Amino acid sequence: MNLETIISEIKSKALTATPLGTTIKFDLGEVKVFVDGTAGSNEVSTEDKEAACTISLSEADFISLVKKELNPMNAFMGGKLKIKGDMGVAMKLQNLF
């Protein structure tokens, strides 16, 4: 499964999920995945915008996280995943994955 496929799947799931009520960005280095849940639905793009919460991790770890091969708490505690901003927003992500 490649990154483009995963982003496409997230876009599909985001449309049917309850809006997050906030914004979140995954910073994968050169690639950014931005989720805007402030409107009537969640919108997913690859724009590099300011977000209430930014999660930084490698592209490989992001793919593993989405495929549920990487436990988010273990990734955070092990330093593979860094959260900047509102940590409560990160907890809302289970609706998208």
PDB file of N, CA and C in Angstrom:
ATOM      1  N   MET A   1       0.851  -1.171   0.000  1.00  0.00           N
ATOM      2  CA  MET A   1       0.000   0.000   0.000  1.00  0.00           C
ATOM      3  C   MET A   1       0.898   1.236   0.000  1.00  0.00           C
ATOM      4  N   ASN A   2       0.676   2.137  -0.949  1.00  0.00           N
ATOM      5  CA  ASN A   2       1.516   3.331  -0.997  1.00  0.00           C
ATOM      6  C   ASN A   2       0.787   4.531  -0.381  1.00  0.00           C
ATOM      7  N   LEU A   3       1.510   5.621  -0.249  1.00  0.00           N
ATOM      8  CA  LEU A   3       0.985   6.804   0.415  1.00  0.00           C
ATOM      9  C   LEU A   3      -0.227   7.390  -0.305  1.00  0.00           C
ATOM     10  N   GLU A   4      -0.193   7.425  -1.633  1.00  0.00           N
ATOM     11  CA  GLU A   4      -1.320   7.982  -2.390  1.00  0.00           C
ATOM     12  C   GLU A   4      -2.597   7.191  -2.146  1.00  0.00           C
ATOM     13  N   THR A   5      -2.483   5.889  -2.084  1.00  0.00           N
ATOM     14  CA  THR A   5      -3.632   5.026  -1.821  1.00  0.00           C
ATOM     15  C   THR A   5      -4.180   5.292  -0.426  1.00  0.00           C
ATOM     16  N   ILE A   6      -3.294   5.424   0.536  1.00  0.00           N
ATOM     17  CA  ILE A   6      -3.705   5.674   1.915  1.00  0.00           C
ATOM     18  C   ILE A   6      -4.411   7.020   2.030  1.00  0.00           C
ATOM     19  N   ILE A   7      -3.862   8.060   1.398  1.00  0.00           N
ATOM     20  CA  ILE A   7      -4.502   9.380   1.449  1.00  0.00           C
ATOM     21  C   ILE A   7      -5.883   9.317   0.810  1.00  0.00           C
ATOM     22  N   SER A   8      -6.019   8.582  -0.272  1.00  0.00           N
ATOM     23  CA  SER A   8      -7.318   8.410  -0.935  1.00  0.00           C
ATOM     24  C   SER A   8      -8.310   7.719  -0.003  1.00  0.00           C
ATOM     25  N   GLU A   9      -7.859   6.701   0.710  1.00  0.00           N
ATOM     26  CA  GLU A   9      -8.718   5.989   1.656  1.00  0.00           C
ATOM     27  C   GLU A   9      -9.131   6.903   2.808  1.00  0.00           C
ATOM     28  N   ILE A  10      -8.199   7.715   3.300  1.00  0.00           N
ATOM     29  CA  ILE A  10      -8.511   8.645   4.383  1.00  0.00           C
ATOM     30  C   ILE A  10      -9.561   9.653   3.917  1.00  0.00           C
ATOM     31  N   LYS A  11      -9.421  10.138   2.683  1.00  0.00           N
ATOM     32  CA  LYS A  11     -10.407  11.076   2.140  1.00  0.00           C
ATOM     33  C   LYS A  11     -11.794  10.446   2.125  1.00  0.00           C
ATOM     34  N   SER A  12     -11.891   9.205   1.699  1.00  0.00           N
ATOM     35  CA  SER A  12     -13.182   8.513   1.649  1.00  0.00           C
ATOM     36  C   SER A  12     -13.783   8.344   3.044  1.00  0.00           C
ATOM     37  N   LYS A  13     -12.970   7.882   3.982  1.00  0.00           N
ATOM     38  CA  LYS A  13     -13.449   7.676   5.351  1.00  0.00           C
ATOM     39  C   LYS A  13     -13.813   9.002   6.012  1.00  0.00           C
ATOM     40  N   ALA A  14     -13.056  10.048   5.716  1.00  0.00           N
ATOM     41  CA  ALA A  14     -13.280  11.356   6.333  1.00  0.00           C
ATOM     42  C   ALA A  14     -14.641  11.925   5.960  1.00  0.00           C
ATOM     43  N   LEU A  15     -15.075  11.668   4.745  1.00  0.00           N
ATOM     44  CA  LEU A  15     -16.362  12.194   4.291  1.00  0.00           C
ATOM     45  C   LEU A  15     -17.537  11.607   5.062  1.00  0.00           C
ATOM     46  N   THR A  16     -17.412  10.370   5.511  1.00  0.00           N
ATOM     47  CA  THR A  16     -18.512   9.722   6.225  1.00  0.00           C
ATOM     48  C   THR A  16     -18.372   9.823   7.741  1.00  0.00           C
ATOM     49  N   ALA A  17     -17.210  10.213   8.222  1.00  0.00           N
ATOM     50  CA  ALA A  17     -16.977  10.326   9.663  1.00  0.00           C
ATOM     51  C   ALA A  17     -17.573  11.627  10.193  1.00  0.00           C
ATOM     52  N   THR A  18     -17.870  11.636  11.460  1.00  0.00           N
ATOM     53  CA  THR A  18     -18.341  12.840  12.123  1.00  0.00           C
ATOM     54  C   THR A  18     -17.246  13.906  12.030  1.00  0.00           C
ATOM     55  N   PRO A  19     -17.619  15.143  11.661  1.00  0.00           N
ATOM     56  CA  PRO A  19     -16.599  16.205  11.566  1.00  0.00           C
ATOM     57  C   PRO A  19     -15.827  16.364  12.880  1.00  0.00           C
ATOM     58  N   LEU A  20     -14.521  16.536  12.761  1.00  0.00           N
ATOM     59  CA  LEU A  20     -13.650  16.656  13.934  1.00  0.00           C
ATOM     60  C   LEU A  20     -13.920  17.924  14.735  1.00  0.00           C
ATOM     61  N   GLY A  21     -14.396  18.972  14.053  1.00  0.00           N
ATOM     62  CA  GLY A  21     -14.626  20.243  14.734  1.00  0.00           C
ATOM     63  C   GLY A  21     -13.356  21.064  14.874  1.00  0.00           C
ATOM     64  N   THR A  22     -12.277  20.622  14.248  1.00  0.00           N
ATOM     65  CA  THR A  22     -10.988  21.292  14.342  1.00  0.00           C
ATOM     66  C   THR A  22     -10.124  20.890  13.141  1.00  0.00           C
ATOM     67  N   THR A  23      -8.858  21.286  13.183  1.00  0.00           N
ATOM     68  CA  THR A  23      -7.929  20.940  12.103  1.00  0.00           C
ATOM     69  C   THR A  23      -6.752  20.149  12.659  1.00  0.00           C
ATOM     70  N   ILE A  24      -6.229  19.280  11.806  1.00  0.00           N
ATOM     71  CA  ILE A  24      -5.066  18.484  12.185  1.00  0.00           C
ATOM     72  C   ILE A  24      -4.199  18.271  10.952  1.00  0.00           C
ATOM     73  N   LYS A  25      -2.898  18.255  11.170  1.00  0.00           N
ATOM     74  CA  LYS A  25      -1.968  18.061  10.057  1.00  0.00           C
ATOM     75  C   LYS A  25      -0.978  16.964  10.408  1.00  0.00           C
ATOM     76  N   PHE A  26      -0.746  16.090   9.439  1.00  0.00           N
ATOM     77  CA  PHE A  26       0.320  15.099   9.549  1.00  0.00           C
ATOM     78  C   PHE A  26       1.494  15.630   8.751  1.00  0.00           C
ATOM     79  N   ASP A  27       2.612  15.815   9.412  1.00  0.00           N
ATOM     80  CA  ASP A  27       3.829  16.293   8.763  1.00  0.00           C
ATOM     81  C   ASP A  27       4.735  15.090   8.554  1.00  0.00           C
ATOM     82  N   LEU A  28       4.830  14.667   7.279  1.00  0.00           N
ATOM     83  CA  LEU A  28       5.617  13.490   6.937  1.00  0.00           C
ATOM     84  C   LEU A  28       6.940  13.873   6.284  1.00  0.00           C
ATOM     85  N   GLY A  29       7.388  15.088   6.544  1.00  0.00           N
ATOM     86  CA  GLY A  29       8.593  15.601   5.898  1.00  0.00           C
ATOM     87  C   GLY A  29       8.192  16.436   4.706  1.00  0.00           C
ATOM     88  N   GLU A  30       8.438  15.931   3.512  1.00  0.00           N
ATOM     89  CA  GLU A  30       8.062  16.665   2.301  1.00  0.00           C
ATOM     90  C   GLU A  30       6.557  16.643   2.054  1.00  0.00           C
ATOM     91  N   VAL A  31       5.890  15.602   2.502  1.00  0.00           N
ATOM     92  CA  VAL A  31       4.453  15.452   2.289  1.00  0.00           C
ATOM     93  C   VAL A  31       3.700  15.863   3.554  1.00  0.00           C
ATOM     94  N   LYS A  32       2.608  16.598   3.358  1.00  0.00           N
ATOM     95  CA  LYS A  32       1.731  16.996   4.458  1.00  0.00           C
ATOM     96  C   LYS A  32       0.336  16.460   4.153  1.00  0.00           C
ATOM     97  N   VAL A  33      -0.365  16.007   5.170  1.00  0.00           N
ATOM     98  CA  VAL A  33      -1.758  15.597   5.032  1.00  0.00           C
ATOM     99  C   VAL A  33      -2.546  16.457   6.011  1.00  0.00           C
ATOM    100  N   PHE A  34      -3.432  17.300   5.477  1.00  0.00           N
ATOM    101  CA  PHE A  34      -4.183  18.257   6.278  1.00  0.00           C
ATOM    102  C   PHE A  34      -5.648  17.843   6.320  1.00  0.00           C
ATOM    103  N   VAL A  35      -6.203  17.743   7.527  1.00  0.00           N
ATOM    104  CA  VAL A  35      -7.616  17.397   7.703  1.00  0.00           C
ATOM    105  C   VAL A  35      -8.311  18.599   8.329  1.00  0.00           C
ATOM    106  N   ASP A  36      -9.298  19.133   7.610  1.00  0.00           N
ATOM    107  CA  ASP A  36     -10.074  20.270   8.096  1.00  0.00           C
ATOM    108  C   ASP A  36     -11.475  19.773   8.417  1.00  0.00           C
ATOM    109  N   GLY A  37     -11.762  19.661   9.691  1.00  0.00           N
ATOM    110  CA  GLY A  37     -13.067  19.188  10.136  1.00  0.00           C
ATOM    111  C   GLY A  37     -13.912  20.280  10.728  1.00  0.00           C
ATOM    112  N   THR A  38     -13.678  21.526  10.315  1.00  0.00           N
ATOM    113  CA  THR A  38     -14.405  22.663  10.892  1.00  0.00           C
ATOM    114  C   THR A  38     -15.726  22.952  10.189  1.00  0.00           C
ATOM    115  N   ALA A  39     -15.950  22.382   9.025  1.00  0.00           N
ATOM    116  CA  ALA A  39     -17.189  22.624   8.285  1.00  0.00           C
ATOM    117  C   ALA A  39     -18.163  21.461   8.533  1.00  0.00           C
ATOM    118  N   GLY A  40     -19.084  21.262   7.640  1.00  0.00           N
ATOM    119  CA  GLY A  40     -20.081  20.205   7.777  1.00  0.00           C
ATOM    120  C   GLY A  40     -19.528  18.814   7.563  1.00  0.00           C
ATOM    121  N   SER A  41     -18.322  18.713   7.001  1.00  0.00           N
ATOM    122  CA  SER A  41     -17.677  17.417   6.801  1.00  0.00           C
ATOM    123  C   SER A  41     -16.171  17.591   6.921  1.00  0.00           C
ATOM    124  N   ASN A  42     -15.466  16.479   6.998  1.00  0.00           N
ATOM    125  CA  ASN A  42     -14.002  16.516   7.061  1.00  0.00           C
ATOM    126  C   ASN A  42     -13.446  16.598   5.642  1.00  0.00           C
ATOM    127  N   GLU A  43     -12.564  17.553   5.407  1.00  0.00           N
ATOM    128  CA  GLU A  43     -11.920  17.711   4.105  1.00  0.00           C
ATOM    129  C   GLU A  43     -10.447  17.335   4.271  1.00  0.00           C
ATOM    130  N   VAL A  44      -9.937  16.506   3.392  1.00  0.00           N
ATOM    131  CA  VAL A  44      -8.543  16.060   3.454  1.00  0.00           C
ATOM    132  C   VAL A  44      -7.808  16.569   2.223  1.00  0.00           C
ATOM    133  N   SER A  45      -6.635  17.177   2.456  1.00  0.00           N
ATOM    134  CA  SER A  45      -5.814  17.660   1.346  1.00  0.00           C
ATOM    135  C   SER A  45      -4.345  17.448   1.687  1.00  0.00           C
ATOM    136  N   THR A  46      -3.492  17.777   0.747  1.00  0.00           N
ATOM    137  CA  THR A  46      -2.048  17.701   0.993  1.00  0.00           C
ATOM    138  C   THR A  46      -1.465  19.100   1.111  1.00  0.00           C
ATOM    139  N   GLU A  47      -2.305  20.055   1.511  1.00  0.00           N
ATOM    140  CA  GLU A  47      -1.845  21.429   1.698  1.00  0.00           C
ATOM    141  C   GLU A  47      -1.089  21.553   3.009  1.00  0.00           C
ATOM    142  N   ASP A  48      -0.166  22.490   3.052  1.00  0.00           N
ATOM    143  CA  ASP A  48       0.628  22.745   4.257  1.00  0.00           C
ATOM    144  C   ASP A  48       0.061  23.978   4.943  1.00  0.00           C
ATOM    145  N   LYS A  49      -0.992  23.780   5.740  1.00  0.00           N
ATOM    146  CA  LYS A  49      -1.656  24.873   6.447  1.00  0.00           C
ATOM    147  C   LYS A  49      -1.414  24.741   7.941  1.00  0.00           C
ATOM    148  N   GLU A  50      -1.644  25.829   8.663  1.00  0.00           N
ATOM    149  CA  GLU A  50      -1.575  25.800  10.121  1.00  0.00           C
ATOM    150  C   GLU A  50      -2.727  24.949  10.637  1.00  0.00           C
ATOM    151  N   ALA A  51      -2.475  24.176  11.692  1.00  0.00           N
ATOM    152  CA  ALA A  51      -3.499  23.309  12.266  1.00  0.00           C
ATOM    153  C   ALA A  51      -3.479  23.414  13.783  1.00  0.00           C
ATOM    154  N   ALA A  52      -4.593  23.059  14.399  1.00  0.00           N
ATOM    155  CA  ALA A  52      -4.673  23.060  15.859  1.00  0.00           C
ATOM    156  C   ALA A  52      -3.734  22.018  16.453  1.00  0.00           C
ATOM    157  N   CYS A  53      -3.482  20.959  15.688  1.00  0.00           N
ATOM    158  CA  CYS A  53      -2.595  19.889  16.127  1.00  0.00           C
ATOM    159  C   CYS A  53      -1.784  19.395  14.930  1.00  0.00           C
ATOM    160  N   THR A  54      -0.486  19.293  15.113  1.00  0.00           N
ATOM    161  CA  THR A  54       0.388  18.761  14.063  1.00  0.00           C
ATOM    162  C   THR A  54       1.070  17.510  14.595  1.00  0.00           C
ATOM    163  N   ILE A  55       0.951  16.442  13.833  1.00  0.00           N
ATOM    164  CA  ILE A  55       1.592  15.183  14.185  1.00  0.00           C
ATOM    165  C   ILE A  55       2.716  14.943  13.190  1.00  0.00           C
ATOM    166  N   SER A  56       3.926  14.870  13.694  1.00  0.00           N
ATOM    167  CA  SER A  56       5.105  14.667  12.848  1.00  0.00           C
ATOM    168  C   SER A  56       5.597  13.236  12.995  1.00  0.00           C
ATOM    169  N   LEU A  57       5.788  12.584  11.846  1.00  0.00           N
ATOM    170  CA  LEU A  57       6.324  11.232  11.818  1.00  0.00           C
ATOM    171  C   LEU A  57       6.801  10.931  10.413  1.00  0.00           C
ATOM    172  N   SER A  58       7.534   9.855  10.267  1.00  0.00           N
ATOM    173  CA  SER A  58       8.047   9.505   8.946  1.00  0.00           C
ATOM    174  C   SER A  58       6.916   8.956   8.081  1.00  0.00           C
ATOM    175  N   GLU A  59       7.129   8.989   6.777  1.00  0.00           N
ATOM    176  CA  GLU A  59       6.141   8.455   5.838  1.00  0.00           C
ATOM    177  C   GLU A  59       5.894   6.966   6.111  1.00  0.00           C
ATOM    178  N   ALA A  60       6.959   6.215   6.352  1.00  0.00           N
ATOM    179  CA  ALA A  60       6.836   4.777   6.619  1.00  0.00           C
ATOM    180  C   ALA A  60       6.042   4.522   7.898  1.00  0.00           C
ATOM    181  N   ASP A  61       6.301   5.318   8.936  1.00  0.00           N
ATOM    182  CA  ASP A  61       5.561   5.148  10.188  1.00  0.00           C
ATOM    183  C   ASP A  61       4.097   5.550  10.021  1.00  0.00           C
ATOM    184  N   PHE A  62       3.819   6.572   9.195  1.00  0.00           N
ATOM    185  CA  PHE A  62       2.440   6.980   8.923  1.00  0.00           C
ATOM    186  C   PHE A  62       1.685   5.829   8.252  1.00  0.00           C
ATOM    187  N   ILE A  63       2.305   5.207   7.273  1.00  0.00           N
ATOM    188  CA  ILE A  63       1.681   4.079   6.573  1.00  0.00           C
ATOM    189  C   ILE A  63       1.423   2.935   7.561  1.00  0.00           C
ATOM    190  N   SER A  64       2.395   2.647   8.406  1.00  0.00           N
ATOM    191  CA  SER A  64       2.223   1.588   9.411  1.00  0.00           C
ATOM    192  C   SER A  64       1.122   1.941  10.405  1.00  0.00           C
ATOM    193  N   LEU A  65       1.023   3.193  10.771  1.00  0.00           N
ATOM    194  CA  LEU A  65      -0.005   3.660  11.697  1.00  0.00           C
ATOM    195  C   LEU A  65      -1.396   3.460  11.091  1.00  0.00           C
ATOM    196  N   VAL A  66      -1.560   3.871   9.857  1.00  0.00           N
ATOM    197  CA  VAL A  66      -2.851   3.745   9.182  1.00  0.00           C
ATOM    198  C   VAL A  66      -3.227   2.280   8.975  1.00  0.00           C
ATOM    199  N   LYS A  67      -2.241   1.446   8.690  1.00  0.00           N
ATOM    200  CA  LYS A  67      -2.489   0.014   8.481  1.00  0.00           C
ATOM    201  C   LYS A  67      -2.642  -0.730   9.810  1.00  0.00           C
ATOM    202  N   LYS A  68      -2.581   0.004  10.924  1.00  0.00           N
ATOM    203  CA  LYS A  68      -2.714  -0.543  12.284  1.00  0.00           C
ATOM    204  C   LYS A  68      -1.607  -1.529  12.632  1.00  0.00           C
ATOM    205  N   GLU A  69      -0.453  -1.336  12.014  1.00  0.00           N
ATOM    206  CA  GLU A  69       0.717  -2.144  12.330  1.00  0.00           C
ATOM    207  C   GLU A  69       1.575  -1.461  13.392  1.00  0.00           C
ATOM    208  N   LEU A  70       1.312  -0.167  13.633  1.00  0.00           N
ATOM    209  CA  LEU A  70       2.061   0.617  14.606  1.00  0.00           C
ATOM    210  C   LEU A  70       1.079   1.181  15.621  1.00  0.00           C
ATOM    211  N   ASN A  71       1.301   0.886  16.875  1.00  0.00           N
ATOM    212  CA  ASN A  71       0.453   1.393  17.942  1.00  0.00           C
ATOM    213  C   ASN A  71       0.777   2.876  18.165  1.00  0.00           C
ATOM    214  N   PRO A  72      -0.231   3.765  18.096  1.00  0.00           N
ATOM    215  CA  PRO A  72       0.037   5.205  18.237  1.00  0.00           C
ATOM    216  C   PRO A  72       0.691   5.572  19.574  1.00  0.00           C
ATOM    217  N   MET A  73       0.263   4.941  20.657  1.00  0.00           N
ATOM    218  CA  MET A  73       0.832   5.264  21.965  1.00  0.00           C
ATOM    219  C   MET A  73       2.287   4.820  22.036  1.00  0.00           C
ATOM    220  N   ASN A  74       2.594   3.625  21.531  1.00  0.00           N
ATOM    221  CA  ASN A  74       3.978   3.152  21.519  1.00  0.00           C
ATOM    222  C   ASN A  74       4.848   4.042  20.632  1.00  0.00           C
ATOM    223  N   ALA A  75       4.288   4.486  19.498  1.00  0.00           N
ATOM    224  CA  ALA A  75       5.032   5.372  18.591  1.00  0.00           C
ATOM    225  C   ALA A  75       5.339   6.686  19.283  1.00  0.00           C
ATOM    226  N   PHE A  76       4.367   7.216  20.019  1.00  0.00           N
ATOM    227  CA  PHE A  76       4.566   8.474  20.742  1.00  0.00           C
ATOM    228  C   PHE A  76       5.606   8.307  21.848  1.00  0.00           C
ATOM    229  N   MET A  77       5.457   7.263  22.638  1.00  0.00           N
ATOM    230  CA  MET A  77       6.381   7.034  23.756  1.00  0.00           C
ATOM    231  C   MET A  77       7.789   6.706  23.262  1.00  0.00           C
ATOM    232  N   GLY A  78       7.893   6.094  22.081  1.00  0.00           N
ATOM    233  CA  GLY A  78       9.188   5.739  21.521  1.00  0.00           C
ATOM    234  C   GLY A  78       9.830   6.847  20.700  1.00  0.00           C
ATOM    235  N   GLY A  79       9.151   7.989  20.587  1.00  0.00           N
ATOM    236  CA  GLY A  79       9.714   9.127  19.861  1.00  0.00           C
ATOM    237  C   GLY A  79       9.548   9.067  18.348  1.00  0.00           C
ATOM    238  N   LYS A  80       8.808   8.089  17.843  1.00  0.00           N
ATOM    239  CA  LYS A  80       8.583   8.002  16.394  1.00  0.00           C
ATOM    240  C   LYS A  80       7.519   8.984  15.940  1.00  0.00           C
ATOM    241  N   LEU A  81       6.687   9.429  16.869  1.00  0.00           N
ATOM    242  CA  LEU A  81       5.572  10.307  16.580  1.00  0.00           C
ATOM    243  C   LEU A  81       5.624  11.476  17.553  1.00  0.00           C
ATOM    244  N   LYS A  82       5.597  12.674  17.016  1.00  0.00           N
ATOM    245  CA  LYS A  82       5.642  13.872  17.862  1.00  0.00           C
ATOM    246  C   LYS A  82       4.368  14.673  17.637  1.00  0.00           C
ATOM    247  N   ILE A  83       3.799  15.190  18.729  1.00  0.00           N
ATOM    248  CA  ILE A  83       2.568  15.965  18.643  1.00  0.00           C
ATOM    249  C   ILE A  83       2.847  17.385  19.095  1.00  0.00           C
ATOM    250  N   LYS A  84       2.423  18.345  18.262  1.00  0.00           N
ATOM    251  CA  LYS A  84       2.568  19.759  18.581  1.00  0.00           C
ATOM    252  C   LYS A  84       1.172  20.374  18.564  1.00  0.00           C
ATOM    253  N   GLY A  85       0.827  21.056  19.623  1.00  0.00           N
ATOM    254  CA  GLY A  85      -0.494  21.677  19.695  1.00  0.00           C
ATOM    255  C   GLY A  85      -1.413  20.895  20.615  1.00  0.00           C
ATOM    256  N   ASP A  86      -2.688  20.905  20.312  1.00  0.00           N
ATOM    257  CA  ASP A  86      -3.723  20.309  21.142  1.00  0.00           C
ATOM    258  C   ASP A  86      -3.720  18.783  21.032  1.00  0.00           C
ATOM    259  N   MET A  87      -3.235  18.117  22.078  1.00  0.00           N
ATOM    260  CA  MET A  87      -3.164  16.654  22.066  1.00  0.00           C
ATOM    261  C   MET A  87      -4.553  16.021  22.051  1.00  0.00           C
ATOM    262  N   GLY A  88      -5.536  16.722  22.560  1.00  0.00           N
ATOM    263  CA  GLY A  88      -6.898  16.211  22.554  1.00  0.00           C
ATOM    264  C   GLY A  88      -7.417  15.989  21.145  1.00  0.00           C
ATOM    265  N   VAL A  89      -6.939  16.805  20.211  1.00  0.00           N
ATOM    266  CA  VAL A  89      -7.349  16.665  18.816  1.00  0.00           C
ATOM    267  C   VAL A  89      -6.864  15.327  18.264  1.00  0.00           C
ATOM    268  N   ALA A  90      -5.671  14.939  18.625  1.00  0.00           N
ATOM    269  CA  ALA A  90      -5.109  13.677  18.141  1.00  0.00           C
ATOM    270  C   ALA A  90      -5.969  12.493  18.575  1.00  0.00           C
ATOM    271  N   MET A  91      -6.614  12.595  19.714  1.00  0.00           N
ATOM    272  CA  MET A  91      -7.452  11.513  20.214  1.00  0.00           C
ATOM    273  C   MET A  91      -8.712  11.319  19.360  1.00  0.00           C
ATOM    274  N   LYS A  92      -9.104  12.345  18.618  1.00  0.00           N
ATOM    275  CA  LYS A  92     -10.297  12.264  17.776  1.00  0.00           C
ATOM    276  C   LYS A  92     -10.046  11.506  16.476  1.00  0.00           C
ATOM    277  N   LEU A  93      -8.816  11.164  16.197  1.00  0.00           N
ATOM    278  CA  LEU A  93      -8.459  10.556  14.919  1.00  0.00           C
ATOM    279  C   LEU A  93      -8.970   9.137  14.722  1.00  0.00           C
ATOM    280  N   GLN A  94      -9.371   8.456  15.775  1.00  0.00           N
ATOM    281  CA  GLN A  94      -9.827   7.097  15.596  1.00  0.00           C
ATOM    282  C   GLN A  94     -11.031   7.024  14.668  1.00  0.00           C
ATOM    283  N   ASN A  95     -11.775   8.130  14.523  1.00  0.00           N
ATOM    284  CA  ASN A  95     -12.913   8.150  13.598  1.00  0.00           C
ATOM    285  C   ASN A  95     -12.462   8.060  12.143  1.00  0.00           C
ATOM    286  N   LEU A  96     -11.245   8.512  11.853  1.00  0.00           N
ATOM    287  CA  LEU A  96     -10.764   8.541  10.468  1.00  0.00           C
ATOM    288  C   LEU A  96     -10.007   7.280  10.073  1.00  0.00           C
ATOM    289  N   PHE A  97      -9.517   6.530  11.050  1.00  0.00           N
ATOM    290  CA  PHE A  97      -8.702   5.365  10.727  1.00  0.00           C
ATOM    291  C   PHE A  97      -9.423   4.081  11.062  1.00  0.00           C
TER     292      PHE A  97
END
